[in-house]
Amino acid sequence: MITTATNCYPKLHNAAWPGVVGKGPGAEEPAINLDTMLDLTAAAEVDGVKFDGVDLFLFAPHVDIDSSDDDLKRLADQVRSRKLVIGSVVAPVWPPTGGGSAMGDAPERKKFVGQVRKGCRIAERLRKLGVRPYGIVRIDSAADPASWSKDPAGNTRKIAETFREACKVAEDHGERLAAEGEICWGGLHSWKQAIALLETVDRPQTLGFQADMAHTLLYLLGYNAPEDRLLPEKFSWSDTETFQKGYKTLTAALRPWTIDFHVAQNDATVKGSGSHDKTGRHCLPDDPKGKLDIVRNAGYWLRDETGQPTRKLHHLCWDGCMFPNATMMKPQTWNKVLATMIAVRDAHGWQE
């Protein structure tokens, strides 16, 4: 089958963590193993175009954060055997996964940095094994907005101090970190607070922003920070002019910091499952309740203020976090996703 795709960059990735995040013991559904997620990703195809790789969560049952070098060699082979590569990886910095709050006491913050260290070691090793040509190590504050709000200035300062220590670790391993903007993470729960935190850390060469289209949509609504909302309280989704104006303001502020990007759809609601707090609900790209024109809105992230592609991002990742298992097990789900990713790349990518 001959492809009609026009661009080959950025590369297109699928996230494997929807198989485990909000799944497993105590959750609504069981986890889906990594082999299955890899097979589903590798099988997707649209007009001869396939996914180039996967982004991974460094936590069992997918990838044990304490994996040995031999374990990582097997992982590299596991991914390469599907003609895929690895891009960004998520460090398990939260208390339930062995980490600690970035604004917690000294032992908690030590655990946080320790998990970043383990994550960066794995990222570096996979890079040296030749299976990970690009990507970042993703972190967040591992703290909730309500706790953060008890002392906004003090807690932002603590998170920044922890992130600076994490930056030192990343630099030792030749890695970069991206802080995920999401309404459930204190200090990163609003677009203004995320920028304030990144500016306080002041390590732009090492720490950037991870933008997910589903999560950042809720920044516009001020879900956990009404003072920072960009859309009116009685906003109507039929008012596309007001929406696009707010979206342009949001992306213009965050785009200079963005070093990792998730293509996604959201219906302007939230969802939580298992140990994961409520956050922006990820929907299928063609969900009739979806509020985003994915291709158009992705352009605000992927093009600069002059309208030219930024060429900053080596890959794009689809995040289907907390999709129902039945949805994820359908091959047509991933063909729909891949078609959307191709459309984004054709609209805003480039050739090399």
Foldseek 3Di string as FASTA:
>chain_A
DAAPFDACPQAEEAEQCLQPALAPPQWPHHGDESLLSLVLQLPADDRRDGHAAYEEECPPPHHPLPDDLVSLVVVLCSNVVSNHAYAEYEQPQAVVRQAAFLQDDPVRLVSNLVSLLSQLVSQLSSVVVVRYVYYAYEDERNDFQVVCVVPVVSSLLSNLVSVLSSQVSNVVSVGAYAYEQWLGTHQSNALVSVLVSCVSNVPLVHYFHEDEPQRHLCNCCCPVHNVRHQADPPDDLVPVVSVVVSLLVSQLSRLVRHQAYAQFWFLNAWDHHRPGDTTGQTDQPVPPSTSDPRLVSVQSNQAHPVSAGPSRYNYYYYDNRNDDPVLSSDSVSSNSVVVSVSSNCSNRNHYD
